[in-house]
C-alpha atoms as a PDB file:
ATOM      1  CA  TYR A   1       2.128  13.431  15.407  1.00  0.00           C
ATOM      2  CA  PHE A   2       2.945  16.192  12.859  1.00  0.00           C
ATOM      3  CA  ASN A   3       3.601  14.286   9.644  1.00  0.00           C
ATOM      4  CA  TYR A   4      -0.571  13.851   9.829  1.00  0.00           C
ATOM      5  CA  PHE A   5      -0.419  17.746   9.038  1.00  0.00           C
ATOM      6  CA  SER A   6       2.098  17.878   6.769  1.00  0.00           C
ATOM      7  CA  PRO A   7       1.842  18.569   2.840  1.00  0.00           C
ATOM      8  CA  GLN A   8       3.711  15.341   2.034  1.00  0.00           C
ATOM      9  CA  PHE A   9       0.791  13.222   3.949  1.00  0.00           C
ATOM     10  CA  LEU A  10      -2.547  15.618   2.156  1.00  0.00           C
ATOM     11  CA  LEU A  11      -1.189  16.921  -1.104  1.00  0.00           C
ATOM     12  CA  THR A  12       1.699  15.240  -2.197  1.00  0.00           C
ATOM     13  CA  GLN A  13       2.804  12.166  -0.888  1.00  0.00           C
ATOM     14  CA  GLY A  14      -0.256  10.276   1.250  1.00  0.00           C
ATOM     15  CA  ASP A  15       1.340   7.195   3.067  1.00  0.00           C
ATOM     16  CA  TRP A  16       4.901   7.483   2.119  1.00  0.00           C
ATOM     17  CA  GLN A  17       6.040   4.305   4.223  1.00  0.00           C
ATOM     18  CA  ASN A  18       3.322   2.382   3.424  1.00  0.00           C
ATOM     19  CA  PRO A  19       2.589   2.536  -0.770  1.00  0.00           C
ATOM     20  CA  ARG A  20       0.147   0.420  -0.363  1.00  0.00           C
ATOM     21  CA  HIS A  21      -2.068   2.648   1.544  1.00  0.00           C
ATOM     22  CA  SER A  22      -2.390   5.252  -0.692  1.00  0.00           C
ATOM     23  CA  ALA A  23      -2.619   6.166  -4.385  1.00  0.00           C
ATOM     24  CA  PRO A  24       1.409   7.091  -6.033  1.00  0.00           C
ATOM     25  CA  TYR A  25       2.492  10.932  -6.692  1.00  0.00           C
ATOM     26  CA  THR A  26      -0.165  12.400  -4.577  1.00  0.00           C
ATOM     27  CA  GLY A  27      -1.474  12.868  -1.301  1.00  0.00           C
ATOM     28  CA  VAL A  28      -4.605  11.747   0.890  1.00  0.00           C
ATOM     29  CA  LEU A  29      -6.690  14.678   0.013  1.00  0.00           C
ATOM     30  CA  LEU A  30      -7.669  15.754  -3.863  1.00  0.00           C
ATOM     31  CA  ILE A  31      -6.239  19.195  -4.721  1.00  0.00           C
ATOM     32  CA  PRO A  32      -8.962  21.323  -4.145  1.00  0.00           C
ATOM     33  CA  SER A  33      -9.853  19.781  -0.959  1.00  0.00           C
ATOM     34  CA  VAL A  34      -6.595  21.018   0.763  1.00  0.00           C
ATOM     35  CA  VAL A  35      -7.259  24.228  -0.471  1.00  0.00           C
ATOM     36  CA  PHE A  36     -10.128  24.395   0.762  1.00  0.00           C
ATOM     37  CA  LEU A  37      -9.560  22.600   4.290  1.00  0.00           C
ATOM     38  CA  ILE A  38      -7.579  25.534   4.431  1.00  0.00           C
ATOM     39  CA  ILE A  39     -10.050  28.220   4.009  1.00  0.00           C
ATOM     40  CA  GLY A  40     -12.164  25.919   6.387  1.00  0.00           C
ATOM     41  CA  ILE A  41      -9.777  26.512   9.180  1.00  0.00           C
ATOM     42  CA  PHE A  42      -8.803  29.714   8.645  1.00  0.00           C
ATOM     43  CA  LYS A  43     -12.968  30.545   8.191  1.00  0.00           C
ATOM     44  CA  TYR A  44     -13.441  29.206  11.765  1.00  0.00           C
ATOM     45  CA  LEU A  45     -10.607  30.984  13.685  1.00  0.00           C
ATOM     46  CA  SER A  46     -10.872  33.913  12.199  1.00  0.00           C
ATOM     47  CA  GLY A  47     -15.220  34.041  12.443  1.00  0.00           C
ATOM     48  CA  SER A  48     -16.847  35.971  15.539  1.00  0.00           C
ATOM     49  CA  LYS A  49     -19.012  32.976  15.577  1.00  0.00           C
ATOM     50  CA  LYS A  50     -17.751  29.925  16.954  1.00  0.00           C
ATOM     51  CA  THR A  51     -20.626  27.044  16.890  1.00  0.00           C
ATOM     52  CA  SER A  52     -19.674  24.125  19.136  1.00  0.00           C
ATOM     53  CA  LEU A  53     -19.857  21.978  16.200  1.00  0.00           C
ATOM     54  CA  SER A  54     -16.844  23.645  14.790  1.00  0.00           C
ATOM     55  CA  ARG A  55     -15.375  23.684  17.902  1.00  0.00           C
ATOM     56  CA  PHE A  56     -16.015  19.845  18.385  1.00  0.00           C
ATOM     57  CA  PHE A  57     -14.488  19.353  15.068  1.00  0.00           C
ATOM     58  CA  LEU A  58     -11.491  21.446  15.391  1.00  0.00           C
ATOM     59  CA  PHE A  59     -10.674  19.070  18.948  1.00  0.00           C
ATOM     60  CA  TRP A  60     -11.247  16.099  16.890  1.00  0.00           C
ATOM     61  CA  LEU A  61      -9.407  17.732  14.400  1.00  0.00           C
ATOM     62  CA  PHE A  62      -6.077  17.764  16.567  1.00  0.00           C
ATOM     63  CA  LEU A  63      -7.264  14.365  18.959  1.00  0.00           C
ATOM     64  CA  ALA A  64      -7.677  11.833  15.609  1.00  0.00           C
ATOM     65  CA  PRO A  65      -4.013  11.902  14.895  1.00  0.00           C
ATOM     66  CA  ILE A  66      -2.752  10.921  18.062  1.00  0.00           C
ATOM     67  CA  PRO A  67      -3.400   6.966  18.663  1.00  0.00           C
ATOM     68  CA  ALA A  68      -1.345   6.716  15.313  1.00  0.00           C
ATOM     69  CA  ALA A  69       0.928   8.734  16.468  1.00  0.00           C
ATOM     70  CA  LEU A  70       2.391   6.429  19.694  1.00  0.00           C
ATOM     71  CA  THR A  71       2.605   3.503  17.028  1.00  0.00           C
ATOM     72  CA  ARG A  72       5.975   1.996  15.644  1.00  0.00           C
ATOM     73  CA  ASP A  73       5.463   3.730  12.248  1.00  0.00           C
ATOM     74  CA  GLU A  74       6.500   7.649  11.460  1.00  0.00           C
ATOM     75  CA  ILE A  75       2.950   7.428   9.229  1.00  0.00           C
ATOM     76  CA  GLN A  76       0.407   4.806   8.633  1.00  0.00           C
ATOM     77  CA  ALA A  77      -2.482   6.067   6.791  1.00  0.00           C
ATOM     78  CA  THR A  78      -4.995   3.199   7.660  1.00  0.00           C
ATOM     79  CA  ARG A  79      -4.537   4.350  11.680  1.00  0.00           C
ATOM     80  CA  ILE A  80      -5.809   7.347  10.602  1.00  0.00           C
ATOM     81  CA  MET A  81      -9.206   6.836   9.358  1.00  0.00           C
ATOM     82  CA  ASN A  82     -10.573   8.861  11.552  1.00  0.00           C
ATOM     83  CA  PHE A  83      -9.203  11.658  10.857  1.00  0.00           C
ATOM     84  CA  SER A  84     -10.597  11.864   7.280  1.00  0.00           C
ATOM     85  CA  LEU A  85     -14.089  13.585   8.939  1.00  0.00           C
ATOM     86  CA  PRO A  86     -12.723  16.788  10.488  1.00  0.00           C
ATOM     87  CA  LEU A  87     -10.725  17.222   7.118  1.00  0.00           C
ATOM     88  CA  CYS A  88     -14.031  16.596   5.304  1.00  0.00           C
ATOM     89  CA  TYR A  89     -15.562  18.804   7.881  1.00  0.00           C
ATOM     90  CA  PHE A  90     -13.491  22.063   7.406  1.00  0.00           C
ATOM     91  CA  ALA A  91     -12.887  21.609   3.697  1.00  0.00           C
ATOM     92  CA  ALA A  92     -16.376  21.298   2.776  1.00  0.00           C
ATOM     93  CA  LEU A  93     -17.025  25.150   5.633  1.00  0.00           C
ATOM     94  CA  GLY A  94     -14.183  26.317   3.340  1.00  0.00           C
ATOM     95  CA  LEU A  95     -16.100  25.482   0.207  1.00  0.00           C
ATOM     96  CA  VAL A  96     -19.633  26.736   1.163  1.00  0.00           C
ATOM     97  CA  SER A  97     -17.633  29.640   2.860  1.00  0.00           C
ATOM     98  CA  THR A  98     -16.412  30.541  -0.679  1.00  0.00           C
ATOM     99  CA  LEU A  99     -19.155  30.198  -2.365  1.00  0.00           C
ATOM    100  CA  ASN A 100     -21.191  32.435  -0.176  1.00  0.00           C
ATOM    101  CA  TYR A 101     -18.791  35.011  -0.137  1.00  0.00           C
ATOM    102  CA  LEU A 102     -18.464  34.885  -4.545  1.00  0.00           C
ATOM    103  CA  LYS A 103     -22.520  34.696  -4.574  1.00  0.00           C
ATOM    104  CA  LYS A 104     -22.301  38.129  -2.767  1.00  0.00           C
ATOM    105  CA  ASN A 105     -19.537  39.844  -4.714  1.00  0.00           C
ATOM    106  CA  ASN A 106     -18.636  38.354  -7.597  1.00  0.00           C
ATOM    107  CA  PRO A 107     -21.141  38.854 -10.976  1.00  0.00           C
ATOM    108  CA  PHE A 108     -19.797  35.847 -12.469  1.00  0.00           C
ATOM    109  CA  TYR A 109     -20.358  33.736  -9.585  1.00  0.00           C
ATOM    110  CA  LEU A 110     -21.944  30.511 -11.956  1.00  0.00           C
ATOM    111  CA  PHE A 111     -18.901  30.231 -13.722  1.00  0.00           C
ATOM    112  CA  VAL A 112     -17.059  30.328 -10.358  1.00  0.00           C
ATOM    113  CA  GLN A 113     -19.475  27.229  -9.823  1.00  0.00           C
ATOM    114  CA  ILE A 114     -18.251  25.492 -13.216  1.00  0.00           C
ATOM    115  CA  PHE A 115     -14.698  26.427 -12.730  1.00  0.00           C
ATOM    116  CA  ILE A 116     -14.837  24.593  -9.118  1.00  0.00           C
ATOM    117  CA  PHE A 117     -16.836  21.724 -10.301  1.00  0.00           C
ATOM    118  CA  ILE A 118     -14.161  21.313 -13.265  1.00  0.00           C
ATOM    119  CA  PHE A 119     -11.072  21.635 -10.898  1.00  0.00           C
ATOM    120  CA  TYR A 120     -12.839  18.585  -8.768  1.00  0.00           C
ATOM    121  CA  LEU A 121     -13.790  16.550 -11.826  1.00  0.00           C
ATOM    122  CA  ILE A 122     -10.057  16.740 -13.179  1.00  0.00           C
ATOM    123  CA  SER A 123      -8.243  16.361  -9.718  1.00  0.00           C
ATOM    124  CA  PHE A 124     -10.490  13.080  -9.048  1.00  0.00           C
ATOM    125  CA  THR A 125      -9.578  11.744 -12.288  1.00  0.00           C
ATOM    126  CA  ASN A 126      -6.319  11.804 -12.172  1.00  0.00           C
ATOM    127  CA  TYR A 127      -6.525  10.386  -8.871  1.00  0.00           C
ATOM    128  CA  ALA A 128      -8.553   7.875 -10.219  1.00  0.00           C
ATOM    129  CA  ASP A 129      -5.950   7.157 -12.437  1.00  0.00           C
ATOM    130  CA  LEU A 130      -3.296   6.931 -10.133  1.00  0.00           C
ATOM    131  CA  TYR A 131      -5.325   4.652  -8.141  1.00  0.00           C
ATOM    132  CA  PHE A 132      -5.845   1.922 -10.486  1.00  0.00           C
ATOM    133  CA  ASN A 133      -3.195   2.103 -13.066  1.00  0.00           C
ATOM    134  CA  HIS A 134      -0.445   2.914 -11.682  1.00  0.00           C
ATOM    135  CA  MET A 135      -0.400   2.002  -8.218  1.00  0.00           C
ATOM    136  CA  VAL A 136       0.242  -1.897  -8.468  1.00  0.00           C
ATOM    137  CA  LYS A 137       2.919  -0.407 -11.103  1.00  0.00           C
ATOM    138  CA  LYS A 138       5.052   1.586  -9.386  1.00  0.00           C
ATOM    139  CA  SER A 139       5.818  -0.951  -6.102  1.00  0.00           C
ATOM    140  CA  PRO A 140       3.969  -3.985  -7.191  1.00  0.00           C
ATOM    141  CA  GLN A 141       5.890  -6.257  -3.987  1.00  0.00           C
ATOM    142  CA  GLU A 142       4.048  -4.200  -1.953  1.00  0.00           C
ATOM    143  CA  TRP A 143       0.600  -5.425  -3.353  1.00  0.00           C
ATOM    144  CA  LEU A 144       2.174  -9.028  -3.363  1.00  0.00           C
ATOM    145  CA  PHE A 145       1.754  -9.428  -6.698  1.00  0.00           C
ATOM    146  CA  GLY A 146       2.786 -12.351  -8.681  1.00  0.00           C
ATOM    147  CA  TYR A 147       1.640 -14.836  -5.702  1.00  0.00           C
ATOM    148  CA  LYS A 148      -0.299 -16.519  -8.045  1.00  0.00           C
ATOM    149  CA  GLU A 149       2.042 -16.803 -11.220  1.00  0.00           C
ATOM    150  CA  ALA A 150       5.286 -18.242  -8.752  1.00  0.00           C
ATOM    151  CA  ILE A 151       2.874 -20.939  -7.070  1.00  0.00           C
ATOM    152  CA  ASP A 152       1.808 -22.100 -10.219  1.00  0.00           C
ATOM    153  CA  TYR A 153       5.648 -22.125 -11.517  1.00  0.00           C
ATOM    154  CA  VAL A 154       6.051 -23.999  -8.456  1.00  0.00           C
ATOM    155  CA  VAL A 155       3.146 -26.689  -9.104  1.00  0.00           C
ATOM    156  CA  GLN A 156       4.306 -27.170 -13.311  1.00  0.00           C
ATOM    157  CA  ASN A 157       8.098 -27.447 -11.691  1.00  0.00           C
ATOM    158  CA  LYS A 158       8.851 -28.949  -8.532  1.00  0.00           C
ATOM    159  CA  LYS A 159       8.581 -32.912  -9.837  1.00  0.00           C
ATOM    160  CA  ASP A 160      11.947 -34.438  -8.436  1.00  0.00           C
ATOM    161  CA  HIS A 161      12.861 -31.094  -6.701  1.00  0.00           C
ATOM    162  CA  GLN A 162      14.139 -29.845  -3.617  1.00  0.00           C
ATOM    163  CA  VAL A 163      12.343 -26.555  -3.452  1.00  0.00           C
ATOM    164  CA  TYR A 164      12.953 -23.132  -1.808  1.00  0.00           C
ATOM    165  CA  PHE A 165      10.308 -20.266  -1.558  1.00  0.00           C
ATOM    166  CA  THR A 166      10.979 -16.732  -0.150  1.00  0.00           C
ATOM    167  CA  PRO A 167       9.591 -15.634   3.042  1.00  0.00           C
ATOM    168  CA  PHE A 168      10.743 -12.258   2.009  1.00  0.00           C
ATOM    169  CA  TYR A 169       6.832 -10.790   1.014  1.00  0.00           C
ATOM    170  CA  GLY A 170       5.561 -12.193   4.454  1.00  0.00           C
ATOM    171  CA  GLN A 171       4.339 -15.996   5.019  1.00  0.00           C
ATOM    172  CA  PRO A 172       4.164 -17.692   1.158  1.00  0.00           C
ATOM    173  CA  TYR A 173       2.442 -20.687   2.938  1.00  0.00           C
ATOM    174  CA  ILE A 174      -0.598 -19.100   3.221  1.00  0.00           C
ATOM    175  CA  TYR A 175      -0.743 -18.741  -0.693  1.00  0.00           C
ATOM    176  CA  TYR A 176       0.709 -21.772  -1.551  1.00  0.00           C
ATOM    177  CA  LEU A 177      -2.166 -23.667   0.491  1.00  0.00           C
ATOM    178  CA  PHE A 178      -4.915 -21.100  -1.287  1.00  0.00           C
ATOM    179  CA  TYR A 179      -3.727 -21.330  -5.280  1.00  0.00           C
ATOM    180  CA  THR A 180      -2.701 -25.363  -5.083  1.00  0.00           C
ATOM    181  CA  LYS A 181      -6.597 -25.577  -3.070  1.00  0.00           C
ATOM    182  CA  TYR A 182      -4.134 -27.801  -0.726  1.00  0.00           C
ATOM    183  CA  PRO A 183      -6.840 -30.009   1.956  1.00  0.00           C
ATOM    184  CA  PRO A 184      -6.746 -28.674   4.971  1.00  0.00           C
ATOM    185  CA  GLN A 185      -7.181 -32.354   6.406  1.00  0.00           C
ATOM    186  CA  LYS A 186      -3.690 -32.897   5.158  1.00  0.00           C
ATOM    187  CA  TYR A 187      -2.150 -29.517   6.366  1.00  0.00           C
ATOM    188  CA  GLN A 188      -2.817 -29.473   9.892  1.00  0.00           C
ATOM    189  CA  ALA A 189      -1.550 -32.808  10.142  1.00  0.00           C
ATOM    190  CA  GLN A 190       1.649 -31.671   9.198  1.00  0.00           C
ATOM    191  CA  ALA A 191       1.588 -27.993  10.277  1.00  0.00           C
ATOM    192  CA  GLU A 192       4.184 -26.155  12.922  1.00  0.00           C
ATOM    193  CA  LEU A 193       3.223 -22.891  12.984  1.00  0.00           C
ATOM    194  CA  ILE A 194       5.808 -20.873  14.588  1.00  0.00           C
ATOM    195  CA  SER A 195       3.594 -18.389  16.474  1.00  0.00           C
ATOM    196  CA  GLN A 196       6.532 -15.972  17.889  1.00  0.00           C
ATOM    197  CA  SER A 197       6.865 -14.566  14.474  1.00  0.00           C
ATOM    198  CA  ILE A 198       4.779 -11.278  13.825  1.00  0.00           C
ATOM    199  CA  ASP A 199       1.586 -11.311  12.072  1.00  0.00           C
ATOM    200  CA  THR A 200       0.105 -14.749  11.130  1.00  0.00           C
ATOM    201  CA  GLY A 201       3.212 -16.581  12.214  1.00  0.00           C
ATOM    202  CA  SER A 202       5.180 -18.538   9.789  1.00  0.00           C
ATOM    203  CA  VAL A 203       5.279 -22.106   9.088  1.00  0.00           C
ATOM    204  CA  TYR A 204       8.344 -23.707   7.682  1.00  0.00           C
ATOM    205  CA  LYS A 205       8.142 -26.459   5.414  1.00  0.00           C
ATOM    206  CA  ILE A 206       5.150 -27.945   3.784  1.00  0.00           C
ATOM    207  CA  ASP A 207       6.139 -31.616   2.385  1.00  0.00           C
ATOM    208  CA  ASP A 208       8.451 -31.052  -0.025  1.00  0.00           C
ATOM    209  CA  ILE A 209       8.795 -27.417  -0.064  1.00  0.00           C
ATOM    210  CA  ILE A 210      10.912 -25.149   2.127  1.00  0.00           C
ATOM    211  CA  PHE A 211       9.808 -21.419   2.713  1.00  0.00           C
ATOM    212  CA  ASP A 212      13.527 -20.334   2.977  1.00  0.00           C
ATOM    213  CA  THR A 213      15.750 -18.020   0.759  1.00  0.00           C
ATOM    214  CA  PRO A 214      18.693 -19.819   0.223  1.00  0.00           C
ATOM    215  CA  ASP A 215      22.346 -18.641  -1.343  1.00  0.00           C
ATOM    216  CA  ILE A 216      21.936 -18.774  -4.773  1.00  0.00           C
ATOM    217  CA  LYS A 217      25.827 -18.907  -5.487  1.00  0.00           C
ATOM    218  CA  PHE A 218      25.427 -22.355  -2.983  1.00  0.00           C
ATOM    219  CA  ILE A 219      22.556 -23.838  -4.645  1.00  0.00           C
ATOM    220  CA  GLN A 220      24.075 -23.496  -8.334  1.00  0.00           C
ATOM    221  CA  LEU A 221      27.146 -25.540  -6.790  1.00  0.00           C
ATOM    222  CA  GLN A 222      24.506 -28.464  -5.578  1.00  0.00           C
ATOM    223  CA  SER A 223      24.483 -31.257  -7.791  1.00  0.00           C
ATOM    224  CA  SER A 224      21.151 -32.306  -6.233  1.00  0.00           C
ATOM    225  CA  ARG A 225      17.916 -31.127  -8.290  1.00  0.00           C
ATOM    226  CA  VAL A 226      16.809 -27.937  -6.809  1.00  0.00           C
ATOM    227  CA  LEU A 227      14.300 -25.350  -8.003  1.00  0.00           C
ATOM    228  CA  ALA A 228      14.046 -22.018  -5.460  1.00  0.00           C
ATOM    229  CA  ILE A 229      11.554 -18.850  -5.674  1.00  0.00           C
ATOM    230  CA  TYR A 230      13.318 -15.519  -5.119  1.00  0.00           C
ATOM    231  CA  PRO A 231      12.312 -11.802  -4.733  1.00  0.00           C
ATOM    232  CA  TYR A 232      13.954  -9.382  -6.748  1.00  0.00           C
ATOM    233  CA  ASP A 233      15.325  -7.599  -3.459  1.00  0.00           C
ATOM    234  CA  GLU A 234      17.081 -10.845  -2.710  1.00  0.00           C
ATOM    235  CA  THR A 235      18.357 -10.536  -6.461  1.00  0.00           C
ATOM    236  CA  VAL A 236      19.940  -7.476  -5.808  1.00  0.00           C
ATOM    237  CA  ARG A 237      21.233  -8.131  -2.115  1.00  0.00           C
ATOM    238  CA  GLN A 238      22.810 -11.421  -3.387  1.00  0.00           C
ATOM    239  CA  ALA A 239      23.974  -9.631  -6.725  1.00  0.00           C
ATOM    240  CA  ALA A 240      22.462 -12.563  -8.778  1.00  0.00           C
ATOM    241  CA  ASP A 241      23.160 -12.715 -12.274  1.00  0.00           C
ATOM    242  CA  LEU A 242      18.921 -12.046 -13.527  1.00  0.00           C
ATOM    243  CA  SER A 243      19.889 -13.931 -16.552  1.00  0.00           C
ATOM    244  CA  LYS A 244      20.541 -16.919 -14.991  1.00  0.00           C
ATOM    245  CA  LEU A 245      17.124 -16.547 -13.300  1.00  0.00           C
ATOM    246  CA  ILE A 246      13.691 -16.790 -14.902  1.00  0.00           C
ATOM    247  CA  PRO A 247      11.271 -13.927 -14.245  1.00  0.00           C
ATOM    248  CA  ILE A 248       8.484 -15.519 -13.060  1.00  0.00           C
ATOM    249  CA  SER A 249       5.783 -12.295 -12.488  1.00  0.00           C
ATOM    250  CA  PRO A 250       7.315  -9.310 -14.564  1.00  0.00           C
ATOM    251  CA  ILE A 251       5.830  -6.178 -14.475  1.00  0.00           C
ATOM    252  CA  ASN A 252       7.885  -2.678 -15.107  1.00  0.00           C
ATOM    253  CA  PHE A 253      10.687  -4.198 -16.271  1.00  0.00           C
ATOM    254  CA  SER A 254      11.366  -6.100 -13.585  1.00  0.00           C
ATOM    255  CA  SER A 255       9.522  -8.905 -11.699  1.00  0.00           C
ATOM    256  CA  THR A 256       8.084  -9.763  -8.282  1.00  0.00           C
ATOM    257  CA  PHE A 257       9.474 -12.962  -8.017  1.00  0.00           C
ATOM    258  CA  TYR A 258      12.091 -14.671 -10.217  1.00  0.00           C
ATOM    259  CA  GLY A 259      13.056 -18.722 -10.296  1.00  0.00           C
ATOM    260  CA  TYR A 260      16.026 -20.609 -10.256  1.00  0.00           C
ATOM    261  CA  LYS A 261      15.614 -24.118 -11.195  1.00  0.00           C
ATOM    262  CA  ASN A 262      18.609 -26.891 -11.071  1.00  0.00           C
ATOM    263  CA  PRO A 263      18.544 -29.516 -12.924  1.00  0.00           C
END
């Protein structure tokens, strides 16, 4: 519960357990919004006149994280979307209170307004840069980057090969069906969905493609023609020699998928 009020979530890290849910190296709020959020809550608590609207949003603020806190994840930004409204309310309250105070007591009020505007502009520009230019590069596997490249590689090289495709990043059969424009009637005739698995279920095999992660050293010893697609994490776990594998979806001096082809 308290993770959602932590500086890590609001200011520095965002959703650290699920990197795809927030921009890297920053929290879920802009830096000036965090400042005005603190001012807004302090203004409410220290003020003598407490409106029913402010009481409602304060109640909402402390109630909102409860549903997300009851789930299995220690932090989950997508389950806390209703938290954004009271945060915005108190940040706005803090901003308005600050401007009203400075308007009465500061001869440089116009320059303060310009400073706050520039502060927000710089903060937003930084956030946009992190979101659009750094998010996928920092954690490409969280965004399932490389599935199209991996499927294309399989289609181009699978002839006369037994194909193994890693299920490490989720349900690869869905991406295979989509990117190959697999005929629905043909798939439905052979589909054997394992419904006990999480999310959308899993499929073990389509045609000559097995969705499994075999031991690299084992298939290297096979005389039969084998084509295997591995995730980067699995190559590390199996201590594979990357010089013998093909980087299929390179990014950040690495690759989310690697291919091995046994001629």
